[in-house]
C-alpha atoms as a PDB file:
ATOM      1  CA  MET A   1     -57.962 147.930 104.445  1.00  0.00           C
ATOM      2  CA  THR A   2     -54.846 149.202 104.553  1.00  0.00           C
ATOM      3  CA  VAL A   3     -51.867 148.175 107.050  1.00  0.00           C
ATOM      4  CA  THR A   4     -48.324 150.581 108.263  1.00  0.00           C
ATOM      5  CA  SER A   5     -46.363 149.962 110.781  1.00  0.00           C
ATOM      6  CA  ALA A   6     -43.331 151.778 111.716  1.00  0.00           C
ATOM      7  CA  GLY A   7     -40.109 150.072 111.679  1.00  0.00           C
ATOM      8  CA  THR A   8     -38.873 147.221 109.192  1.00  0.00           C
ATOM      9  CA  ILE A   9     -41.138 144.436 108.461  1.00  0.00           C
ATOM     10  CA  GLY A  10     -41.608 141.579 105.982  1.00  0.00           C
ATOM     11  CA  ALA A  11     -44.770 140.940 104.064  1.00  0.00           C
ATOM     12  CA  ARG A  12     -45.683 139.380 100.766  1.00  0.00           C
ATOM     13  CA  THR A  13     -49.631 139.289  98.719  1.00  0.00           C
ATOM     14  CA  ILE A  14     -50.998 136.277  96.692  1.00  0.00           C
ATOM     15  CA  PRO A  15     -54.117 136.039  95.107  1.00  0.00           C
ATOM     16  CA  ALA A  16     -56.371 133.262  96.902  1.00  0.00           C
ATOM     17  CA  LEU A  17     -59.398 132.353  98.525  1.00  0.00           C
ATOM     18  CA  GLY A  18     -61.110 134.455  95.240  1.00  0.00           C
ATOM     19  CA  THR A  19     -59.918 137.820  96.903  1.00  0.00           C
ATOM     20  CA  PHE A  20     -55.866 138.492  98.203  1.00  0.00           C
ATOM     21  CA  ALA A  21     -54.007 137.322 101.138  1.00  0.00           C
ATOM     22  CA  SER A  22     -51.519 139.241 102.838  1.00  0.00           C
ATOM     23  CA  LEU A  23     -49.229 138.191 105.350  1.00  0.00           C
ATOM     24  CA  LEU A  24     -46.879 140.397 107.751  1.00  0.00           C
ATOM     25  CA  VAL A  25     -44.231 139.971 109.963  1.00  0.00           C
ATOM     26  CA  THR A  26     -41.675 141.932 112.517  1.00  0.00           C
ATOM     27  CA  ASP A  27     -38.687 139.936 111.789  1.00  0.00           C
ATOM     28  CA  PRO A  28     -38.334 139.978 108.216  1.00  0.00           C
ATOM     29  CA  GLY A  29     -35.365 136.591 108.571  1.00  0.00           C
ATOM     30  CA  ARG A  30     -38.464 134.684 109.474  1.00  0.00           C
ATOM     31  CA  LEU A  31     -40.249 135.573 106.077  1.00  0.00           C
ATOM     32  CA  ASP A  32     -39.736 132.340 104.271  1.00  0.00           C
ATOM     33  CA  GLU A  33     -40.745 130.359 107.338  1.00  0.00           C
ATOM     34  CA  ALA A  34     -43.916 131.657 108.054  1.00  0.00           C
ATOM     35  CA  TRP A  35     -45.032 132.259 104.491  1.00  0.00           C
ATOM     36  CA  ALA A  36     -44.601 128.285 104.243  1.00  0.00           C
ATOM     37  CA  LEU A  37     -46.929 128.112 107.451  1.00  0.00           C
ATOM     38  CA  PHE A  38     -49.246 130.898 105.507  1.00  0.00           C
ATOM     39  CA  THR A  39     -49.829 129.219 102.389  1.00  0.00           C
ATOM     40  CA  GLY A  40     -50.517 125.526 104.219  1.00  0.00           C
ATOM     41  CA  GLU A  41     -52.959 127.620 106.098  1.00  0.00           C
ATOM     42  CA  LEU A  42     -54.798 129.103 102.726  1.00  0.00           C
ATOM     43  CA  HIS A  43     -54.748 125.566 101.188  1.00  0.00           C
ATOM     44  CA  ALA A  44     -56.011 123.637 104.138  1.00  0.00           C
ATOM     45  CA  ILE A  45     -59.496 125.849 104.386  1.00  0.00           C
ATOM     46  CA  ASP A  46     -59.750 125.733 100.478  1.00  0.00           C
ATOM     47  CA  VAL A  47     -59.892 122.174 100.620  1.00  0.00           C
ATOM     48  CA  ALA A  48     -61.874 121.820 103.270  1.00  0.00           C
ATOM     49  CA  CYS A  49     -64.172 124.250 102.539  1.00  0.00           C
ATOM     50  CA  SER A  50     -64.814 125.474  99.343  1.00  0.00           C
ATOM     51  CA  ARG A  51     -67.922 125.635  97.562  1.00  0.00           C
ATOM     52  CA  PHE A  52     -66.775 125.421  94.256  1.00  0.00           C
ATOM     53  CA  ARG A  53     -63.626 123.025  94.604  1.00  0.00           C
ATOM     54  CA  SER A  54     -65.654 119.161  92.985  1.00  0.00           C
ATOM     55  CA  ASP A  55     -62.429 118.068  95.497  1.00  0.00           C
ATOM     56  CA  SER A  56     -63.307 119.671  98.852  1.00  0.00           C
ATOM     57  CA  GLU A  57     -64.970 117.994 101.672  1.00  0.00           C
ATOM     58  CA  LEU A  58     -67.910 121.129 101.820  1.00  0.00           C
ATOM     59  CA  TRP A  59     -68.674 119.522  98.177  1.00  0.00           C
ATOM     60  CA  ARG A  60     -68.629 116.293  99.629  1.00  0.00           C
ATOM     61  CA  VAL A  61     -71.193 117.143 102.093  1.00  0.00           C
ATOM     62  CA  ASN A  62     -73.197 119.332  99.715  1.00  0.00           C
ATOM     63  CA  HIS A  63     -73.849 116.782  97.154  1.00  0.00           C
ATOM     64  CA  ALA A  64     -74.144 113.901  99.513  1.00  0.00           C
ATOM     65  CA  TRP A  65     -78.146 113.661  98.820  1.00  0.00           C
ATOM     66  CA  GLY A  66     -78.939 113.507 102.274  1.00  0.00           C
ATOM     67  CA  ARG A  67     -76.636 111.061 103.969  1.00  0.00           C
ATOM     68  CA  PRO A  68     -73.909 111.554 106.071  1.00  0.00           C
ATOM     69  CA  VAL A  69     -70.496 112.059 105.934  1.00  0.00           C
ATOM     70  CA  GLN A  70     -67.791 112.245 108.354  1.00  0.00           C
ATOM     71  CA  VAL A  71     -65.659 115.164 108.000  1.00  0.00           C
ATOM     72  CA  SER A  72     -61.721 115.999 108.823  1.00  0.00           C
ATOM     73  CA  PRO A  73     -61.231 117.893 112.162  1.00  0.00           C
ATOM     74  CA  LEU A  74     -60.810 121.600 110.230  1.00  0.00           C
ATOM     75  CA  LEU A  75     -64.237 121.035 108.366  1.00  0.00           C
ATOM     76  CA  ALA A  76     -65.612 119.866 112.386  1.00  0.00           C
ATOM     77  CA  GLU A  77     -64.275 123.301 113.257  1.00  0.00           C
ATOM     78  CA  ALA A  78     -65.234 125.351 110.317  1.00  0.00           C
ATOM     79  CA  LEU A  79     -68.634 123.790 110.767  1.00  0.00           C
ATOM     80  CA  ALA A  80     -69.306 124.496 114.235  1.00  0.00           C
ATOM     81  CA  THR A  81     -68.520 128.157 113.628  1.00  0.00           C
ATOM     82  CA  ALA A  82     -70.941 128.794 111.166  1.00  0.00           C
ATOM     83  CA  LEU A  83     -72.686 126.935 113.186  1.00  0.00           C
ATOM     84  CA  THR A  84     -72.282 129.126 116.175  1.00  0.00           C
ATOM     85  CA  ALA A  85     -72.403 132.637 114.348  1.00  0.00           C
ATOM     86  CA  ALA A  86     -76.110 131.709 113.151  1.00  0.00           C
ATOM     87  CA  ARG A  87     -77.278 130.926 116.704  1.00  0.00           C
ATOM     88  CA  LEU A  88     -75.277 133.738 118.236  1.00  0.00           C
ATOM     89  CA  THR A  89     -77.153 135.955 115.500  1.00  0.00           C
ATOM     90  CA  ASP A  90     -80.689 134.529 115.851  1.00  0.00           C
ATOM     91  CA  GLY A  91     -79.790 133.172 112.373  1.00  0.00           C
ATOM     92  CA  ASP A  92     -79.034 136.208 110.787  1.00  0.00           C
ATOM     93  CA  VAL A  93     -75.677 134.510 110.001  1.00  0.00           C
ATOM     94  CA  ASP A  94     -76.874 131.300 108.398  1.00  0.00           C
ATOM     95  CA  PRO A  95     -74.407 128.885 106.487  1.00  0.00           C
ATOM     96  CA  THR A  96     -77.233 127.222 104.696  1.00  0.00           C
ATOM     97  CA  CYS A  97     -77.715 130.727 101.770  1.00  0.00           C
ATOM     98  CA  GLY A  98     -75.407 128.619  99.554  1.00  0.00           C
ATOM     99  CA  GLN A  99     -78.664 127.491  97.485  1.00  0.00           C
ATOM    100  CA  SER A 100     -79.665 131.412  97.612  1.00  0.00           C
ATOM    101  CA  LEU A 101     -76.271 132.317  96.181  1.00  0.00           C
ATOM    102  CA  ALA A 102     -76.091 129.820  93.692  1.00  0.00           C
ATOM    103  CA  ARG A 103     -79.850 131.078  92.672  1.00  0.00           C
ATOM    104  CA  LEU A 104     -78.772 134.200  91.925  1.00  0.00           C
ATOM    105  CA  GLY A 105     -75.102 133.682  89.729  1.00  0.00           C
ATOM    106  CA  TYR A 106     -73.098 133.520  92.567  1.00  0.00           C
ATOM    107  CA  ASN A 107     -71.929 129.533  91.634  1.00  0.00           C
ATOM    108  CA  GLN A 108     -68.930 129.392  90.842  1.00  0.00           C
ATOM    109  CA  ASP A 109     -65.367 131.487  91.704  1.00  0.00           C
ATOM    110  CA  PHE A 110     -66.295 135.154  92.384  1.00  0.00           C
ATOM    111  CA  ALA A 111     -64.201 136.576  89.471  1.00  0.00           C
ATOM    112  CA  GLN A 112     -65.816 133.935  86.847  1.00  0.00           C
ATOM    113  CA  ALA A 113     -69.437 134.338  88.481  1.00  0.00           C
ATOM    114  CA  ARG A 114     -69.278 138.022  87.825  1.00  0.00           C
ATOM    115  CA  ARG A 115     -68.457 138.270  84.544  1.00  0.00           C
ATOM    116  CA  HIS A 116     -71.416 136.569  83.669  1.00  0.00           C
ATOM    117  CA  THR A 117     -74.170 139.519  83.011  1.00  0.00           C
ATOM    118  CA  GLY A 118     -76.696 138.364  80.841  1.00  0.00           C
ATOM    119  CA  GLY A 119     -80.253 136.932  81.368  1.00  0.00           C
ATOM    120  CA  PRO A 120     -83.430 137.708  83.725  1.00  0.00           C
ATOM    121  CA  ALA A 121     -83.502 138.843  86.896  1.00  0.00           C
ATOM    122  CA  PRO A 122     -83.040 135.513  88.891  1.00  0.00           C
ATOM    123  CA  SER A 123     -85.671 134.110  90.874  1.00  0.00           C
ATOM    124  CA  PRO A 124     -84.475 134.203  95.102  1.00  0.00           C
ATOM    125  CA  ALA A 125     -84.412 130.772  97.137  1.00  0.00           C
ATOM    126  CA  PRO A 126     -84.603 131.243 100.575  1.00  0.00           C
ATOM    127  CA  ALA A 127     -82.247 129.804 102.532  1.00  0.00           C
ATOM    128  CA  PRO A 128     -83.968 126.380 104.411  1.00  0.00           C
ATOM    129  CA  GLY A 129     -82.170 127.496 107.939  1.00  0.00           C
ATOM    130  CA  TRP A 130     -79.005 126.354 109.597  1.00  0.00           C
ATOM    131  CA  HIS A 131     -81.636 124.268 112.408  1.00  0.00           C
ATOM    132  CA  THR A 132     -81.681 121.828 109.415  1.00  0.00           C
ATOM    133  CA  VAL A 133     -77.806 120.859 109.405  1.00  0.00           C
ATOM    134  CA  GLU A 134     -77.515 117.844 111.350  1.00  0.00           C
ATOM    135  CA  PHE A 135     -74.099 117.784 113.211  1.00  0.00           C
ATOM    136  CA  ASP A 136     -72.113 115.846 115.735  1.00  0.00           C
ATOM    137  CA  ALA A 137     -69.064 117.543 116.942  1.00  0.00           C
ATOM    138  CA  GLY A 138     -67.932 114.553 119.194  1.00  0.00           C
ATOM    139  CA  ARG A 139     -67.896 112.308 116.051  1.00  0.00           C
ATOM    140  CA  ARG A 140     -67.435 114.680 113.512  1.00  0.00           C
ATOM    141  CA  VAL A 141     -70.506 113.584 111.658  1.00  0.00           C
ATOM    142  CA  VAL A 142     -72.598 116.037 109.336  1.00  0.00           C
ATOM    143  CA  ARG A 143     -75.508 115.831 106.982  1.00  0.00           C
ATOM    144  CA  VAL A 144     -78.056 118.339 105.377  1.00  0.00           C
ATOM    145  CA  PRO A 145     -81.313 117.104 104.102  1.00  0.00           C
ATOM    146  CA  ASP A 146     -81.113 117.197  99.964  1.00  0.00           C
ATOM    147  CA  GLY A 147     -81.127 119.839  98.043  1.00  0.00           C
ATOM    148  CA  VAL A 148     -79.189 121.838 101.192  1.00  0.00           C
ATOM    149  CA  MET A 149     -76.240 123.812 100.375  1.00  0.00           C
ATOM    150  CA  LEU A 150     -73.809 125.153 102.885  1.00  0.00           C
ATOM    151  CA  ASP A 151     -71.629 128.254 102.435  1.00  0.00           C
ATOM    152  CA  LEU A 152     -68.913 128.746 104.829  1.00  0.00           C
ATOM    153  CA  GLY A 153     -67.399 131.133 102.831  1.00  0.00           C
ATOM    154  CA  ALA A 154     -67.425 134.346 105.211  1.00  0.00           C
ATOM    155  CA  THR A 155     -66.717 132.319 108.651  1.00  0.00           C
ATOM    156  CA  ALA A 156     -64.391 130.213 106.936  1.00  0.00           C
ATOM    157  CA  LYS A 157     -62.264 132.956 105.834  1.00  0.00           C
ATOM    158  CA  ALA A 158     -61.626 134.732 109.451  1.00  0.00           C
ATOM    159  CA  LEU A 159     -60.540 131.194 110.313  1.00  0.00           C
ATOM    160  CA  ALA A 160     -58.316 131.279 108.443  1.00  0.00           C
ATOM    161  CA  ALA A 161     -56.964 134.504 109.578  1.00  0.00           C
ATOM    162  CA  ASP A 162     -57.163 133.206 112.766  1.00  0.00           C
ATOM    163  CA  HIS A 163     -55.370 130.034 112.390  1.00  0.00           C
ATOM    164  CA  ALA A 164     -52.622 131.362 110.209  1.00  0.00           C
ATOM    165  CA  ALA A 165     -51.906 134.339 112.394  1.00  0.00           C
ATOM    166  CA  THR A 166     -51.423 132.755 115.628  1.00  0.00           C
ATOM    167  CA  ARG A 167     -49.742 129.480 114.652  1.00  0.00           C
ATOM    168  CA  ILE A 168     -46.923 131.893 112.726  1.00  0.00           C
ATOM    169  CA  ALA A 169     -46.486 133.497 115.929  1.00  0.00           C
ATOM    170  CA  ALA A 170     -45.699 130.746 117.978  1.00  0.00           C
ATOM    171  CA  ALA A 171     -43.834 128.866 115.163  1.00  0.00           C
ATOM    172  CA  ALA A 172     -41.723 132.051 114.040  1.00  0.00           C
ATOM    173  CA  GLY A 173     -41.188 133.741 117.034  1.00  0.00           C
ATOM    174  CA  CYS A 174     -42.312 136.990 116.114  1.00  0.00           C
ATOM    175  CA  GLY A 175     -45.468 139.569 115.361  1.00  0.00           C
ATOM    176  CA  ALA A 176     -47.484 138.207 112.598  1.00  0.00           C
ATOM    177  CA  LEU A 177     -50.695 140.057 110.980  1.00  0.00           C
ATOM    178  CA  VAL A 178     -52.868 138.160 108.385  1.00  0.00           C
ATOM    179  CA  ASN A 179     -55.002 139.718 106.514  1.00  0.00           C
ATOM    180  CA  LEU A 180     -57.208 137.752 103.520  1.00  0.00           C
ATOM    181  CA  GLY A 181     -59.668 140.556 102.010  1.00  0.00           C
ATOM    182  CA  GLY A 182     -60.010 142.310 104.908  1.00  0.00           C
ATOM    183  CA  ASP A 183     -60.537 139.760 107.344  1.00  0.00           C
ATOM    184  CA  ILE A 184     -57.348 140.672 109.927  1.00  0.00           C
ATOM    185  CA  ARG A 185     -55.888 139.185 112.721  1.00  0.00           C
ATOM    186  CA  VAL A 186     -52.832 139.707 114.470  1.00  0.00           C
ATOM    187  CA  ALA A 187     -50.796 137.226 117.155  1.00  0.00           C
ATOM    188  CA  GLY A 188     -47.392 137.844 119.108  1.00  0.00           C
ATOM    189  CA  GLU A 189     -45.171 140.550 119.654  1.00  0.00           C
ATOM    190  CA  PRO A 190     -46.488 143.502 117.367  1.00  0.00           C
ATOM    191  CA  PRO A 191     -44.368 146.021 115.951  1.00  0.00           C
ATOM    192  CA  ALA A 192     -43.037 149.671 117.692  1.00  0.00           C
ATOM    193  CA  GLY A 193     -46.663 151.518 117.782  1.00  0.00           C
ATOM    194  CA  GLY A 194     -48.772 148.701 117.066  1.00  0.00           C
ATOM    195  CA  TRP A 195     -50.389 147.548 113.642  1.00  0.00           C
ATOM    196  CA  HIS A 196     -52.206 150.550 112.238  1.00  0.00           C
ATOM    197  CA  VAL A 197     -54.886 149.106 110.175  1.00  0.00           C
ATOM    198  CA  GLY A 198     -56.160 151.518 107.729  1.00  0.00           C
ATOM    199  CA  ILE A 199     -60.050 151.066 106.391  1.00  0.00           C
ATOM    200  CA  VAL A 200     -61.196 151.649 102.538  1.00  0.00           C
ATOM    201  CA  ASP A 201     -65.051 151.785 102.296  1.00  0.00           C
ATOM    202  CA  ASP A 202     -65.333 152.168  99.033  1.00  0.00           C
ATOM    203  CA  ALA A 203     -63.462 149.459  97.032  1.00  0.00           C
ATOM    204  CA  ASP A 204     -65.657 147.538  94.892  1.00  0.00           C
ATOM    205  CA  PHE A 205     -64.040 143.747  92.892  1.00  0.00           C
ATOM    206  CA  GLU A 206     -61.812 145.765  90.186  1.00  0.00           C
ATOM    207  CA  THR A 207     -60.314 148.545  92.371  1.00  0.00           C
ATOM    208  CA  GLN A 208     -59.188 146.104  95.479  1.00  0.00           C
ATOM    209  CA  GLY A 209     -55.620 144.682  96.410  1.00  0.00           C
ATOM    210  CA  PRO A 210     -52.611 145.736  98.335  1.00  0.00           C
ATOM    211  CA  ARG A 211     -52.586 149.748  97.544  1.00  0.00           C
ATOM    212  CA  ARG A 212     -55.501 151.507  99.050  1.00  0.00           C
ATOM    213  CA  GLU A 213     -55.959 155.060 100.456  1.00  0.00           C
ATOM    214  CA  PRO A 214     -57.981 154.319 103.795  1.00  0.00           C
ATOM    215  CA  ALA A 215     -61.154 156.820 104.452  1.00  0.00           C
ATOM    216  CA  ASP A 216     -59.790 156.064 108.720  1.00  0.00           C
ATOM    217  CA  SER A 217     -57.239 153.663 110.408  1.00  0.00           C
ATOM    218  CA  VAL A 218     -57.364 152.244 114.129  1.00  0.00           C
ATOM    219  CA  MET A 219     -54.129 150.815 115.909  1.00  0.00           C
ATOM    220  CA  ILE A 220     -54.480 147.217 117.185  1.00  0.00           C
ATOM    221  CA  ARG A 221     -52.125 145.440 119.012  1.00  0.00           C
ATOM    222  CA  ASP A 222     -53.851 141.686 119.546  1.00  0.00           C
ATOM    223  CA  GLY A 223     -57.433 139.954 118.049  1.00  0.00           C
ATOM    224  CA  GLY A 224     -58.900 140.692 115.448  1.00  0.00           C
ATOM    225  CA  VAL A 225     -60.189 143.243 112.736  1.00  0.00           C
ATOM    226  CA  ALA A 226     -63.074 142.597 109.547  1.00  0.00           C
ATOM    227  CA  THR A 227     -64.974 144.602 107.001  1.00  0.00           C
ATOM    228  CA  SER A 228     -68.110 143.249 105.626  1.00  0.00           C
ATOM    229  CA  SER A 229     -68.804 145.386 102.391  1.00  0.00           C
ATOM    230  CA  THR A 230     -72.016 145.204  99.926  1.00  0.00           C
ATOM    231  CA  LEU A 231     -69.214 146.988  97.632  1.00  0.00           C
ATOM    232  CA  VAL A 232     -66.417 144.020  96.725  1.00  0.00           C
ATOM    233  CA  ARG A 233     -68.419 141.202  96.010  1.00  0.00           C
ATOM    234  CA  SER A 234     -71.485 142.525  93.923  1.00  0.00           C
ATOM    235  CA  TRP A 235     -72.368 141.590  90.243  1.00  0.00           C
ATOM    236  CA  ARG A 236     -75.499 141.926  87.936  1.00  0.00           C
ATOM    237  CA  ARG A 237     -77.687 140.171  86.342  1.00  0.00           C
ATOM    238  CA  GLY A 238     -79.487 141.373  83.537  1.00  0.00           C
ATOM    239  CA  GLU A 239     -80.521 144.743  85.226  1.00  0.00           C
ATOM    240  CA  VAL A 240     -80.519 143.623  88.796  1.00  0.00           C
ATOM    241  CA  SER A 241     -77.562 144.414  90.842  1.00  0.00           C
ATOM    242  CA  LEU A 242     -76.587 141.992  93.177  1.00  0.00           C
ATOM    243  CA  HIS A 243     -74.870 141.126  96.367  1.00  0.00           C
ATOM    244  CA  HIS A 244     -73.103 138.208  98.725  1.00  0.00           C
ATOM    245  CA  ILE A 245     -74.419 139.185 101.660  1.00  0.00           C
ATOM    246  CA  ILE A 246     -78.015 137.253 102.067  1.00  0.00           C
ATOM    247  CA  VAL A 247     -80.993 137.183 103.841  1.00  0.00           C
ATOM    248  CA  PRO A 248     -81.754 133.675 105.053  1.00  0.00           C
ATOM    249  CA  SER A 249     -85.601 134.468 104.804  1.00  0.00           C
ATOM    250  CA  THR A 250     -86.176 135.988 101.372  1.00  0.00           C
ATOM    251  CA  GLY A 251     -82.919 134.666  99.531  1.00  0.00           C
ATOM    252  CA  LEU A 252     -82.110 138.228  98.447  1.00  0.00           C
ATOM    253  CA  PRO A 253     -79.264 140.611  99.041  1.00  0.00           C
ATOM    254  CA  ALA A 254     -79.237 142.894 102.035  1.00  0.00           C
ATOM    255  CA  ASP A 255     -80.843 145.949 101.268  1.00  0.00           C
ATOM    256  CA  SER A 256     -79.016 147.764 103.858  1.00  0.00           C
ATOM    257  CA  CYS A 257     -78.719 151.303 104.956  1.00  0.00           C
ATOM    258  CA  TRP A 258     -74.569 150.300 105.423  1.00  0.00           C
ATOM    259  CA  ARG A 259     -72.165 149.738 102.378  1.00  0.00           C
ATOM    260  CA  THR A 260     -69.479 148.365 104.797  1.00  0.00           C
ATOM    261  CA  ALA A 261     -68.929 147.698 108.532  1.00  0.00           C
ATOM    262  CA  SER A 262     -66.069 147.275 110.292  1.00  0.00           C
ATOM    263  CA  VAL A 263     -65.638 145.564 113.713  1.00  0.00           C
ATOM    264  CA  ALA A 264     -62.518 144.932 116.630  1.00  0.00           C
ATOM    265  CA  ALA A 265     -63.199 141.887 118.398  1.00  0.00           C
ATOM    266  CA  ALA A 266     -60.819 139.275 120.142  1.00  0.00           C
ATOM    267  CA  THR A 267     -60.808 137.265 117.249  1.00  0.00           C
ATOM    268  CA  CYS A 268     -61.142 137.552 113.709  1.00  0.00           C
ATOM    269  CA  VAL A 269     -64.172 135.255 113.667  1.00  0.00           C
ATOM    270  CA  ASP A 270     -65.752 136.933 116.231  1.00  0.00           C
ATOM    271  CA  ALA A 271     -65.325 140.581 114.295  1.00  0.00           C
ATOM    272  CA  ASN A 272     -66.316 138.826 111.243  1.00  0.00           C
ATOM    273  CA  ILE A 273     -69.483 137.381 112.768  1.00  0.00           C
ATOM    274  CA  ALA A 274     -70.635 141.044 113.847  1.00  0.00           C
ATOM    275  CA  SER A 275     -69.756 143.019 110.730  1.00  0.00           C
ATOM    276  CA  THR A 276     -71.791 140.462 108.396  1.00  0.00           C
ATOM    277  CA  ALA A 277     -74.422 140.897 111.122  1.00  0.00           C
ATOM    278  CA  ALA A 278     -74.403 144.375 110.966  1.00  0.00           C
ATOM    279  CA  ILE A 279     -74.527 144.713 107.560  1.00  0.00           C
ATOM    280  CA  LEU A 280     -77.983 142.557 107.610  1.00  0.00           C
ATOM    281  CA  ARG A 281     -79.846 144.266 110.673  1.00  0.00           C
ATOM    282  CA  GLY A 282     -79.426 147.701 109.408  1.00  0.00           C
ATOM    283  CA  GLU A 283     -80.059 150.753 111.723  1.00  0.00           C
ATOM    284  CA  ARG A 284     -80.482 147.782 114.431  1.00  0.00           C
ATOM    285  CA  ALA A 285     -77.164 146.917 114.485  1.00  0.00           C
ATOM    286  CA  VAL A 286     -76.015 150.450 116.055  1.00  0.00           C
ATOM    287  CA  GLY A 287     -77.579 149.563 119.836  1.00  0.00           C
ATOM    288  CA  TRP A 288     -76.815 145.871 119.501  1.00  0.00           C
ATOM    289  CA  LEU A 289     -72.818 146.687 118.731  1.00  0.00           C
ATOM    290  CA  GLU A 290     -73.372 148.836 121.761  1.00  0.00           C
ATOM    291  CA  ALA A 291     -74.894 146.633 123.989  1.00  0.00           C
ATOM    292  CA  LEU A 292     -72.093 144.037 122.987  1.00  0.00           C
ATOM    293  CA  ARG A 293     -69.362 146.801 123.702  1.00  0.00           C
ATOM    294  CA  LEU A 294     -67.803 146.330 120.053  1.00  0.00           C
ATOM    295  CA  PRO A 295     -65.771 148.670 118.679  1.00  0.00           C
ATOM    296  CA  ALA A 296     -67.758 149.295 115.228  1.00  0.00           C
ATOM    297  CA  ARG A 297     -67.423 151.958 112.252  1.00  0.00           C
ATOM    298  CA  LEU A 298     -70.489 151.503 109.848  1.00  0.00           C
ATOM    299  CA  VAL A 299     -70.584 153.918 106.430  1.00  0.00           C
ATOM    300  CA  ARG A 300     -74.042 154.335 105.081  1.00  0.00           C
ATOM    301  CA  GLN A 301     -74.354 154.100 101.606  1.00  0.00           C
ATOM    302  CA  ASP A 302     -74.174 158.124 101.347  1.00  0.00           C
ATOM    303  CA  GLY A 303     -70.270 157.804 102.687  1.00  0.00           C
ATOM    304  CA  THR A 304     -71.748 159.104 106.192  1.00  0.00           C
ATOM    305  CA  THR A 305     -70.193 157.157 109.547  1.00  0.00           C
ATOM    306  CA  VAL A 306     -71.764 155.953 112.808  1.00  0.00           C
ATOM    307  CA  THR A 307     -69.110 154.449 115.350  1.00  0.00           C
ATOM    308  CA  THR A 308     -69.450 152.242 118.026  1.00  0.00           C
ATOM    309  CA  GLY A 309     -67.841 150.810 121.536  1.00  0.00           C
ATOM    310  CA  GLY A 310     -64.735 153.541 121.660  1.00  0.00           C
ATOM    311  CA  TRP A 311     -63.967 153.061 117.726  1.00  0.00           C
ATOM    312  CA  ALA A 312     -60.830 155.453 117.681  1.00  0.00           C
ATOM    313  CA  ALA A 313     -59.456 157.043 114.554  1.00  0.00           C
ATOM    314  CA  ALA A 314     -55.495 157.173 114.400  1.00  0.00           C
ATOM    315  CA  ALA A 315     -53.114 158.083 111.778  1.00  0.00           C
ATOM    316  CA  PRO A 316     -50.852 155.882 110.450  1.00  0.00           C
ATOM    317  CA  THR A 317     -47.235 156.615 110.991  1.00  0.00           C
ATOM    318  CA  SER A 318     -45.149 155.013 108.224  1.00  0.00           C
ATOM    319  CA  ASP A 319     -45.617 153.447 105.019  1.00  0.00           C
ATOM    320  CA  ASP A 320     -42.737 150.703 105.575  1.00  0.00           C
ATOM    321  CA  GLY A 321     -44.510 147.679 104.919  1.00  0.00           C
ATOM    322  CA  ARG A 322     -47.791 149.048 104.080  1.00  0.00           C
ATOM    323  CA  ALA A 323     -50.359 146.006 102.671  1.00  0.00           C
ATOM    324  CA  THR A 324     -53.688 146.822 101.620  1.00  0.00           C
ATOM    325  CA  GLY A 325     -56.945 145.230 100.947  1.00  0.00           C
ATOM    326  CA  PRO A 326     -60.522 146.077 100.094  1.00  0.00           C
ATOM    327  CA  GLY A 327     -61.954 146.325 103.294  1.00  0.00           C
ATOM    328  CA  ALA A 328     -64.656 143.343 102.949  1.00  0.00           C
ATOM    329  CA  GLY A 329     -63.797 140.426 104.551  1.00  0.00           C
ATOM    330  CA  ALA A 330     -67.476 138.472 104.566  1.00  0.00           C
END
């Protein structure tokens, strides 16, 4: 995604969470303060929810041999968010797809995993299903059966965007926009004319980054926008092309009619859940999004688009403070 606004803003971008992380604030004088809060939130979500860090809380849950584990408030919130996503989507967005991803070769940080292209086509591992997760939210205790691996990547990243933007806006007293690889949340007083978010729907891992030309754009003043894509986190094993949006019942990447799905909602988490589910639901996503009255832009494999819920295009008014991303949130 790309972001533009009228007027002077402060902006920074770094690699983080297997993608890029951008922060924009409407008061450049508060950027240093906001940046410290931002990087703190990124570190916290990584230590709590990374599937690849051996020192993360999620690693401890996934390697507990079926024993219950008490977790921090942040991981408890991330788990509750992921399980809510599964419930709201009738299991389409399922956090127990970790073993499915690992079996397909996504068993380490994506930048490293995509380099290993050799070997035969992998055999799939269907997800056990989110109902196998035992979670006591009050006591913050979780147990997953031995052999079940949780992956919170999509919803946890969106949750981090929500946390960071709202915390920065409250602490710094200015408008803030957080962009975590296409998961966007804005909070506080927006710039004059709002934030203009450009949608990039053809980026892959090599071409993602902070400078991409958008195919479409929308203006937002609050809430979140997320884009899920089959292009950015894609890799090969032998002759087989794979991506990270998994059909839980098969353990295989979704063979979707959509290459990207962008959704606007009250929070980044809500937008992320809907955009991921849209990829998985294929043609059925149009009616589902319309029923929810969610503004969305769906791009077919041939580049043609379908919009729902009053999604409106608006040309960016200025290049000041431009930050760009791949439009690939989940």
